[in-house]
Amino acid sequence: MAGFLKSLAKTAGPKLAIGGIMAVTGLVVFASIDRPAFEGKAAPESPAAKTANVAAVTPPPSPAKPVERRSDQGMAVDPGALRVKRVLKIDGPFRHGDYAWDENGAPATGPVIITVDLRAQTLSVFRAGYEIGAAVILYGATDKPSPKGAFPIMAKRADYYSRTYNNAPMPFAQRLTSDGVFIHGSDVQWGRGTHGCIGVPVAFAKRLFGVTKVGDLVVITDGKMLDVSQAQVNG
């Protein structure tokens, strides 16, 4: 390149030679500085790609929290609205302290609904219409009766103690109303009652706690039976 510049200076004069040198120097500087920077720069992101990236990092919206309800604000629900596809086979009498649990053959996922029949003193839990658990319950005495109607589960605490009744243990508690009605583990024996809560055997309460979530519906009736005429019996 030096020989080329000398030849250019002799034939075209000093000014052109200086201009040529500056031009070549500029090209050298561009090649040594700008090019690596240019090659390392990412291509402009398309609008579609920007939208996709935003969607990838945006967390899904949190489910709406169920509306708080008092014991006298239970929702009206037709027991026939729940289509029962299978019931558990329970041999012999179902006594206080007894429960059954069998998820074999039931869907692993699906909506969970709990039904409580105060007159029959039983609770059943259904997943996608399949009964997976049933238990004999304790319920509220005449001076503090259990509410009737449908209530969503508002909160869950595995290790809970009553704030109203002498710090009494309420294991695997699931709150249904704003005035303190729960489903929880109890020593279920004949002749005992609750202050409006639904008491179930502790081992059953633990299983129930494991399959429910906040918002799942609990339907409490007084003798209104579900339509099980089309249901199969788990053999």
C-alpha atoms as a PDB file:
ATOM      1  CA  MET A   1       0.000   0.000   0.000  1.00  0.00           C
ATOM      2  CA  ALA A   2       2.964   2.366   0.662  1.00  0.00           C
ATOM      3  CA  GLY A   3       4.161   1.965  -2.964  1.00  0.00           C
ATOM      4  CA  PHE A   4       0.662   2.675  -4.221  1.00  0.00           C
ATOM      5  CA  LEU A   5       0.477   5.880  -2.191  1.00  0.00           C
ATOM      6  CA  LYS A   6       3.916   7.088  -3.398  1.00  0.00           C
ATOM      7  CA  SER A   7       2.882   6.474  -6.992  1.00  0.00           C
ATOM      8  CA  LEU A   8      -0.408   8.262  -6.380  1.00  0.00           C
ATOM      9  CA  ALA A   9       1.446  11.261  -4.873  1.00  0.00           C
ATOM     10  CA  LYS A  10       3.772  11.596  -7.858  1.00  0.00           C
ATOM     11  CA  THR A  11       0.990  11.400 -10.444  1.00  0.00           C
ATOM     12  CA  ALA A  12      -1.818  13.291  -8.737  1.00  0.00           C
ATOM     13  CA  GLY A  13      -0.059  15.784  -6.467  1.00  0.00           C
ATOM     14  CA  PRO A  14       0.270  16.239  -2.671  1.00  0.00           C
ATOM     15  CA  LYS A  15      -3.332  17.246  -1.986  1.00  0.00           C
ATOM     16  CA  LEU A  16      -4.783  14.189  -3.639  1.00  0.00           C
ATOM     17  CA  ALA A  17      -2.271  11.990  -1.864  1.00  0.00           C
ATOM     18  CA  ILE A  18      -3.300  13.440   1.504  1.00  0.00           C
ATOM     19  CA  GLY A  19      -6.937  12.905   0.630  1.00  0.00           C
ATOM     20  CA  GLY A  20      -6.221   9.347  -0.396  1.00  0.00           C
ATOM     21  CA  ILE A  21      -4.381   8.679   2.824  1.00  0.00           C
ATOM     22  CA  MET A  22      -7.284  10.056   4.873  1.00  0.00           C
ATOM     23  CA  ALA A  23      -9.771   7.979   2.926  1.00  0.00           C
ATOM     24  CA  VAL A  24      -7.785   4.789   3.341  1.00  0.00           C
ATOM     25  CA  THR A  25      -7.203   5.566   7.036  1.00  0.00           C
ATOM     26  CA  GLY A  26     -10.926   6.038   7.470  1.00  0.00           C
ATOM     27  CA  LEU A  27     -11.607   2.666   5.888  1.00  0.00           C
ATOM     28  CA  VAL A  28      -9.005   1.048   8.141  1.00  0.00           C
ATOM     29  CA  VAL A  29     -10.538   2.677  11.244  1.00  0.00           C
ATOM     30  CA  PHE A  30     -14.053   1.583  10.177  1.00  0.00           C
ATOM     31  CA  ALA A  31     -12.807  -1.942   9.575  1.00  0.00           C
ATOM     32  CA  SER A  32     -10.987  -2.150  12.899  1.00  0.00           C
ATOM     33  CA  ILE A  33     -13.607  -0.476  15.131  1.00  0.00           C
ATOM     34  CA  ASP A  34     -17.071  -0.203  13.647  1.00  0.00           C
ATOM     35  CA  ARG A  35     -17.349  -3.573  11.984  1.00  0.00           C
ATOM     36  CA  PRO A  36     -16.986  -5.742  15.095  1.00  0.00           C
ATOM     37  CA  ALA A  37     -19.475  -3.523  16.881  1.00  0.00           C
ATOM     38  CA  PHE A  38     -21.883  -3.766  13.965  1.00  0.00           C
ATOM     39  CA  GLU A  39     -21.552  -7.516  13.688  1.00  0.00           C
ATOM     40  CA  GLY A  40     -22.209  -7.915  17.408  1.00  0.00           C
ATOM     41  CA  LYS A  41     -25.400  -5.846  17.363  1.00  0.00           C
ATOM     42  CA  ALA A  42     -28.647  -7.858  17.365  1.00  0.00           C
ATOM     43  CA  ALA A  43     -31.146  -7.350  14.600  1.00  0.00           C
ATOM     44  CA  PRO A  44     -34.161  -5.196  15.531  1.00  0.00           C
ATOM     45  CA  GLU A  45     -36.855  -7.263  17.246  1.00  0.00           C
ATOM     46  CA  SER A  46     -40.066  -7.633  15.329  1.00  0.00           C
ATOM     47  CA  PRO A  47     -43.379  -6.561  16.975  1.00  0.00           C
ATOM     48  CA  ALA A  48     -44.524 -10.191  17.001  1.00  0.00           C
ATOM     49  CA  ALA A  49     -41.353 -11.289  18.793  1.00  0.00           C
ATOM     50  CA  LYS A  50     -41.754  -8.489  21.338  1.00  0.00           C
ATOM     51  CA  THR A  51     -45.328  -9.598  22.017  1.00  0.00           C
ATOM     52  CA  ALA A  52     -44.233 -13.227  22.401  1.00  0.00           C
ATOM     53  CA  ASN A  53     -41.487 -12.267  24.844  1.00  0.00           C
ATOM     54  CA  VAL A  54     -43.857 -10.168  26.933  1.00  0.00           C
ATOM     55  CA  ALA A  55     -46.339 -13.055  27.029  1.00  0.00           C
ATOM     56  CA  ALA A  56     -43.559 -15.404  28.117  1.00  0.00           C
ATOM     57  CA  VAL A  57     -42.642 -13.345  31.188  1.00  0.00           C
ATOM     58  CA  THR A  58     -46.111 -12.108  32.159  1.00  0.00           C
ATOM     59  CA  PRO A  59     -47.471 -14.295  34.997  1.00  0.00           C
ATOM     60  CA  PRO A  60     -50.988 -15.685  34.623  1.00  0.00           C
ATOM     61  CA  PRO A  61     -53.683 -13.746  36.476  1.00  0.00           C
ATOM     62  CA  SER A  62     -54.460 -14.961  39.985  1.00  0.00           C
ATOM     63  CA  PRO A  63     -57.851 -16.623  40.393  1.00  0.00           C
ATOM     64  CA  ALA A  64     -60.452 -14.382  41.969  1.00  0.00           C
ATOM     65  CA  LYS A  65     -60.890 -14.965  45.707  1.00  0.00           C
ATOM     66  CA  PRO A  66     -64.314 -16.370  46.622  1.00  0.00           C
ATOM     67  CA  VAL A  67     -66.786 -13.965  48.163  1.00  0.00           C
ATOM     68  CA  GLU A  68     -66.946 -14.165  51.965  1.00  0.00           C
ATOM     69  CA  ARG A  69     -70.304 -15.483  53.227  1.00  0.00           C
ATOM     70  CA  ARG A  70     -71.853 -15.750  56.679  1.00  0.00           C
ATOM     71  CA  SER A  71     -73.639 -18.883  57.822  1.00  0.00           C
ATOM     72  CA  ASP A  72     -76.979 -17.389  56.813  1.00  0.00           C
ATOM     73  CA  GLN A  73     -75.773 -16.512  53.306  1.00  0.00           C
ATOM     74  CA  GLY A  74     -75.417 -19.951  51.774  1.00  0.00           C
ATOM     75  CA  MET A  75     -75.950 -20.096  48.029  1.00  0.00           C
ATOM     76  CA  ALA A  76     -78.931 -22.055  46.746  1.00  0.00           C
ATOM     77  CA  VAL A  77     -77.802 -25.084  44.759  1.00  0.00           C
ATOM     78  CA  ASP A  78     -79.901 -27.813  43.203  1.00  0.00           C
ATOM     79  CA  PRO A  79     -78.452 -31.133  44.456  1.00  0.00           C
ATOM     80  CA  GLY A  80     -79.471 -32.653  41.111  1.00  0.00           C
ATOM     81  CA  ALA A  81     -77.109 -30.288  39.325  1.00  0.00           C
ATOM     82  CA  LEU A  82     -74.161 -32.485  40.274  1.00  0.00           C
ATOM     83  CA  ARG A  83     -73.989 -35.461  37.970  1.00  0.00           C
ATOM     84  CA  VAL A  84     -72.756 -38.419  39.992  1.00  0.00           C
ATOM     85  CA  LYS A  85     -70.917 -40.947  37.840  1.00  0.00           C
ATOM     86  CA  ARG A  86     -69.682 -43.330  40.532  1.00  0.00           C
ATOM     87  CA  VAL A  87     -70.240 -43.947  44.232  1.00  0.00           C
ATOM     88  CA  LEU A  88     -68.138 -45.892  46.677  1.00  0.00           C
ATOM     89  CA  LYS A  89     -69.228 -49.323  47.758  1.00  0.00           C
ATOM     90  CA  ILE A  90     -69.571 -49.329  51.534  1.00  0.00           C
ATOM     91  CA  ASP A  91     -70.327 -52.658  53.139  1.00  0.00           C
ATOM     92  CA  GLY A  92     -72.151 -52.843  56.435  1.00  0.00           C
ATOM     93  CA  PRO A  93     -73.317 -50.007  58.683  1.00  0.00           C
ATOM     94  CA  PHE A  94     -71.469 -46.686  58.583  1.00  0.00           C
ATOM     95  CA  ARG A  95     -70.830 -45.757  62.227  1.00  0.00           C
ATOM     96  CA  HIS A  96     -69.334 -42.720  63.947  1.00  0.00           C
ATOM     97  CA  GLY A  97     -65.619 -42.682  63.357  1.00  0.00           C
ATOM     98  CA  ASP A  98     -65.916 -44.673  60.121  1.00  0.00           C
ATOM     99  CA  TYR A  99     -64.812 -43.410  56.747  1.00  0.00           C
ATOM    100  CA  ALA A 100     -63.969 -44.732  53.292  1.00  0.00           C
ATOM    101  CA  TRP A 101     -61.432 -43.463  50.766  1.00  0.00           C
ATOM    102  CA  ASP A 102     -60.708 -44.938  47.328  1.00  0.00           C
ATOM    103  CA  GLU A 103     -59.377 -42.966  44.357  1.00  0.00           C
ATOM    104  CA  ASN A 104     -58.765 -46.010  42.149  1.00  0.00           C
ATOM    105  CA  GLY A 105     -60.471 -45.587  38.806  1.00  0.00           C
ATOM    106  CA  ALA A 106     -61.338 -41.943  39.459  1.00  0.00           C
ATOM    107  CA  PRO A 107     -59.908 -39.136  37.305  1.00  0.00           C
ATOM    108  CA  ALA A 108     -56.671 -37.708  38.687  1.00  0.00           C
ATOM    109  CA  THR A 109     -57.901 -34.177  37.991  1.00  0.00           C
ATOM    110  CA  GLY A 110     -61.238 -32.418  37.770  1.00  0.00           C
ATOM    111  CA  PRO A 111     -63.554 -30.248  39.851  1.00  0.00           C
ATOM    112  CA  VAL A 112     -63.901 -31.256  43.503  1.00  0.00           C
ATOM    113  CA  ILE A 113     -67.280 -30.890  45.219  1.00  0.00           C
ATOM    114  CA  ILE A 114     -68.024 -31.852  48.819  1.00  0.00           C
ATOM    115  CA  THR A 115     -71.556 -32.721  49.899  1.00  0.00           C
ATOM    116  CA  VAL A 116     -72.784 -32.864  53.484  1.00  0.00           C
ATOM    117  CA  ASP A 117     -76.130 -34.377  54.470  1.00  0.00           C
ATOM    118  CA  LEU A 118     -76.893 -33.345  58.047  1.00  0.00           C
ATOM    119  CA  ARG A 119     -79.807 -35.737  58.394  1.00  0.00           C
ATOM    120  CA  ALA A 120     -77.788 -38.729  57.185  1.00  0.00           C
ATOM    121  CA  GLN A 121     -74.745 -37.433  59.134  1.00  0.00           C
ATOM    122  CA  THR A 122     -72.421 -38.120  56.223  1.00  0.00           C
ATOM    123  CA  LEU A 123     -69.984 -36.224  54.056  1.00  0.00           C
ATOM    124  CA  SER A 124     -68.945 -37.241  50.544  1.00  0.00           C
ATOM    125  CA  VAL A 125     -66.215 -35.841  48.319  1.00  0.00           C
ATOM    126  CA  PHE A 126     -66.476 -36.082  44.540  1.00  0.00           C
ATOM    127  CA  ARG A 127     -63.861 -35.448  41.879  1.00  0.00           C
ATOM    128  CA  ALA A 128     -65.241 -35.000  38.356  1.00  0.00           C
ATOM    129  CA  GLY A 129     -68.417 -36.754  39.521  1.00  0.00           C
ATOM    130  CA  TYR A 130     -66.612 -39.754  41.067  1.00  0.00           C
ATOM    131  CA  GLU A 131     -66.999 -40.273  44.800  1.00  0.00           C
ATOM    132  CA  ILE A 132     -63.532 -40.765  46.250  1.00  0.00           C
ATOM    133  CA  GLY A 133     -64.281 -40.396  49.959  1.00  0.00           C
ATOM    134  CA  ALA A 134     -67.094 -40.585  52.503  1.00  0.00           C
ATOM    135  CA  ALA A 135     -67.263 -40.234  56.262  1.00  0.00           C
ATOM    136  CA  VAL A 136     -69.660 -40.065  59.196  1.00  0.00           C
ATOM    137  CA  ILE A 137     -69.646 -36.548  60.633  1.00  0.00           C
ATOM    138  CA  LEU A 138     -70.314 -34.463  63.695  1.00  0.00           C
ATOM    139  CA  TYR A 139     -72.431 -31.361  63.138  1.00  0.00           C
ATOM    140  CA  GLY A 140     -73.816 -28.380  65.034  1.00  0.00           C
ATOM    141  CA  ALA A 141     -76.066 -28.812  68.033  1.00  0.00           C
ATOM    142  CA  THR A 142     -79.477 -27.123  68.247  1.00  0.00           C
ATOM    143  CA  ASP A 143     -78.099 -23.971  69.903  1.00  0.00           C
ATOM    144  CA  LYS A 144     -75.408 -23.621  67.227  1.00  0.00           C
ATOM    145  CA  PRO A 145     -76.618 -25.489  64.111  1.00  0.00           C
ATOM    146  CA  SER A 146     -74.551 -26.096  61.036  1.00  0.00           C
ATOM    147  CA  PRO A 147     -75.545 -23.838  58.132  1.00  0.00           C
ATOM    148  CA  LYS A 148     -77.321 -25.062  55.014  1.00  0.00           C
ATOM    149  CA  GLY A 149     -76.553 -24.022  51.465  1.00  0.00           C
ATOM    150  CA  ALA A 150     -73.465 -23.947  49.286  1.00  0.00           C
ATOM    151  CA  PHE A 151     -70.240 -22.383  50.525  1.00  0.00           C
ATOM    152  CA  PRO A 152     -66.857 -22.141  48.798  1.00  0.00           C
ATOM    153  CA  ILE A 153     -63.775 -23.059  50.786  1.00  0.00           C
ATOM    154  CA  MET A 154     -62.343 -19.698  51.879  1.00  0.00           C
ATOM    155  CA  ALA A 155     -59.083 -20.723  53.565  1.00  0.00           C
ATOM    156  CA  LYS A 156     -57.108 -23.803  54.610  1.00  0.00           C
ATOM    157  CA  ARG A 157     -54.844 -24.386  57.627  1.00  0.00           C
ATOM    158  CA  ALA A 158     -53.379 -27.793  58.396  1.00  0.00           C
ATOM    159  CA  ASP A 159     -52.487 -26.840  61.983  1.00  0.00           C
ATOM    160  CA  TYR A 160     -55.232 -24.642  63.396  1.00  0.00           C
ATOM    161  CA  TYR A 161     -56.693 -23.884  66.834  1.00  0.00           C
ATOM    162  CA  SER A 162     -60.023 -22.286  67.645  1.00  0.00           C
ATOM    163  CA  ARG A 163     -59.895 -18.606  68.552  1.00  0.00           C
ATOM    164  CA  THR A 164     -63.338 -18.809  70.149  1.00  0.00           C
ATOM    165  CA  TYR A 165     -63.489 -22.115  72.020  1.00  0.00           C
ATOM    166  CA  ASN A 166     -60.548 -22.398  74.411  1.00  0.00           C
ATOM    167  CA  ASN A 167     -57.916 -22.888  71.722  1.00  0.00           C
ATOM    168  CA  ALA A 168     -59.431 -26.246  70.789  1.00  0.00           C
ATOM    169  CA  PRO A 169     -57.437 -28.097  68.113  1.00  0.00           C
ATOM    170  CA  MET A 170     -58.979 -28.099  64.635  1.00  0.00           C
ATOM    171  CA  PRO A 171     -56.545 -30.105  62.488  1.00  0.00           C
ATOM    172  CA  PHE A 172     -56.721 -29.783  58.689  1.00  0.00           C
ATOM    173  CA  ALA A 173     -59.220 -26.958  58.976  1.00  0.00           C
ATOM    174  CA  GLN A 174     -61.013 -25.634  55.902  1.00  0.00           C
ATOM    175  CA  ARG A 175     -63.014 -22.458  56.521  1.00  0.00           C
ATOM    176  CA  LEU A 176     -66.423 -22.103  54.873  1.00  0.00           C
ATOM    177  CA  THR A 177     -67.933 -18.937  56.376  1.00  0.00           C
ATOM    178  CA  SER A 178     -66.828 -15.571  57.698  1.00  0.00           C
ATOM    179  CA  ASP A 179     -68.345 -16.361  61.106  1.00  0.00           C
ATOM    180  CA  GLY A 180     -66.212 -19.408  61.729  1.00  0.00           C
ATOM    181  CA  VAL A 181     -67.750 -22.570  60.269  1.00  0.00           C
ATOM    182  CA  PHE A 182     -65.089 -25.083  59.239  1.00  0.00           C
ATOM    183  CA  ILE A 183     -64.674 -28.638  58.099  1.00  0.00           C
ATOM    184  CA  HIS A 184     -61.962 -30.057  60.334  1.00  0.00           C
ATOM    185  CA  GLY A 185     -60.631 -33.167  62.013  1.00  0.00           C
ATOM    186  CA  SER A 186     -62.501 -34.275  65.157  1.00  0.00           C
ATOM    187  CA  ASP A 187     -62.875 -37.181  67.527  1.00  0.00           C
ATOM    188  CA  VAL A 188     -66.071 -38.374  65.886  1.00  0.00           C
ATOM    189  CA  GLN A 189     -68.096 -40.258  68.507  1.00  0.00           C
ATOM    190  CA  TRP A 190     -71.801 -40.857  69.025  1.00  0.00           C
ATOM    191  CA  GLY A 191     -73.453 -38.199  71.182  1.00  0.00           C
ATOM    192  CA  ARG A 192     -70.959 -35.446  70.429  1.00  0.00           C
ATOM    193  CA  GLY A 193     -71.654 -32.265  68.495  1.00  0.00           C
ATOM    194  CA  THR A 194     -69.930 -29.133  67.286  1.00  0.00           C
ATOM    195  CA  HIS A 195     -70.496 -25.386  67.417  1.00  0.00           C
ATOM    196  CA  GLY A 196     -71.691 -25.384  63.816  1.00  0.00           C
ATOM    197  CA  CYS A 197     -68.622 -26.920  62.209  1.00  0.00           C
ATOM    198  CA  ILE A 198     -68.508 -30.187  60.291  1.00  0.00           C
ATOM    199  CA  GLY A 199     -66.285 -32.624  62.155  1.00  0.00           C
ATOM    200  CA  VAL A 200     -64.740 -35.634  60.389  1.00  0.00           C
ATOM    201  CA  PRO A 201     -62.205 -38.263  61.522  1.00  0.00           C
ATOM    202  CA  VAL A 202     -58.717 -36.753  61.591  1.00  0.00           C
ATOM    203  CA  ALA A 203     -57.243 -39.275  59.138  1.00  0.00           C
ATOM    204  CA  PHE A 204     -60.077 -38.509  56.719  1.00  0.00           C
ATOM    205  CA  ALA A 205     -59.661 -34.741  57.253  1.00  0.00           C
ATOM    206  CA  LYS A 206     -55.999 -35.063  56.223  1.00  0.00           C
ATOM    207  CA  ARG A 207     -56.916 -36.839  52.984  1.00  0.00           C
ATOM    208  CA  LEU A 208     -59.670 -34.342  52.262  1.00  0.00           C
ATOM    209  CA  PHE A 209     -57.290 -31.440  52.896  1.00  0.00           C
ATOM    210  CA  GLY A 210     -54.923 -32.902  50.306  1.00  0.00           C
ATOM    211  CA  VAL A 211     -57.415 -32.923  47.409  1.00  0.00           C
ATOM    212  CA  THR A 212     -59.189 -29.585  47.858  1.00  0.00           C
ATOM    213  CA  LYS A 213     -58.255 -26.010  47.045  1.00  0.00           C
ATOM    214  CA  VAL A 214     -59.618 -22.600  47.985  1.00  0.00           C
ATOM    215  CA  GLY A 215     -62.796 -22.000  45.994  1.00  0.00           C
ATOM    216  CA  ASP A 216     -63.987 -25.624  45.879  1.00  0.00           C
ATOM    217  CA  LEU A 217     -67.676 -25.863  46.714  1.00  0.00           C
ATOM    218  CA  VAL A 218     -69.209 -27.480  49.801  1.00  0.00           C
ATOM    219  CA  VAL A 219     -72.962 -28.189  49.555  1.00  0.00           C
ATOM    220  CA  ILE A 220     -74.696 -28.704  52.915  1.00  0.00           C
ATOM    221  CA  THR A 221     -78.252 -30.060  52.905  1.00  0.00           C
ATOM    222  CA  ASP A 222     -80.663 -31.534  55.430  1.00  0.00           C
ATOM    223  CA  GLY A 223     -81.944 -34.696  53.818  1.00  0.00           C
ATOM    224  CA  LYS A 224     -81.835 -33.633  50.159  1.00  0.00           C
ATOM    225  CA  MET A 225     -80.118 -36.502  48.397  1.00  0.00           C
ATOM    226  CA  LEU A 226     -78.068 -36.367  45.239  1.00  0.00           C
ATOM    227  CA  ASP A 227     -79.376 -38.138  42.168  1.00  0.00           C
ATOM    228  CA  VAL A 228     -77.277 -41.308  41.987  1.00  0.00           C
ATOM    229  CA  SER A 229     -79.644 -43.288  39.780  1.00  0.00           C
ATOM    230  CA  GLN A 230     -77.185 -43.281  36.893  1.00  0.00           C
ATOM    231  CA  ALA A 231     -74.087 -43.804  39.011  1.00  0.00           C
ATOM    232  CA  GLN A 232     -71.941 -46.902  38.967  1.00  0.00           C
ATOM    233  CA  VAL A 233     -70.813 -48.516  42.205  1.00  0.00           C
ATOM    234  CA  ASN A 234     -67.085 -48.856  42.709  1.00  0.00           C
ATOM    235  CA  GLY A 235     -66.588 -52.559  43.098  1.00  0.00           C
END
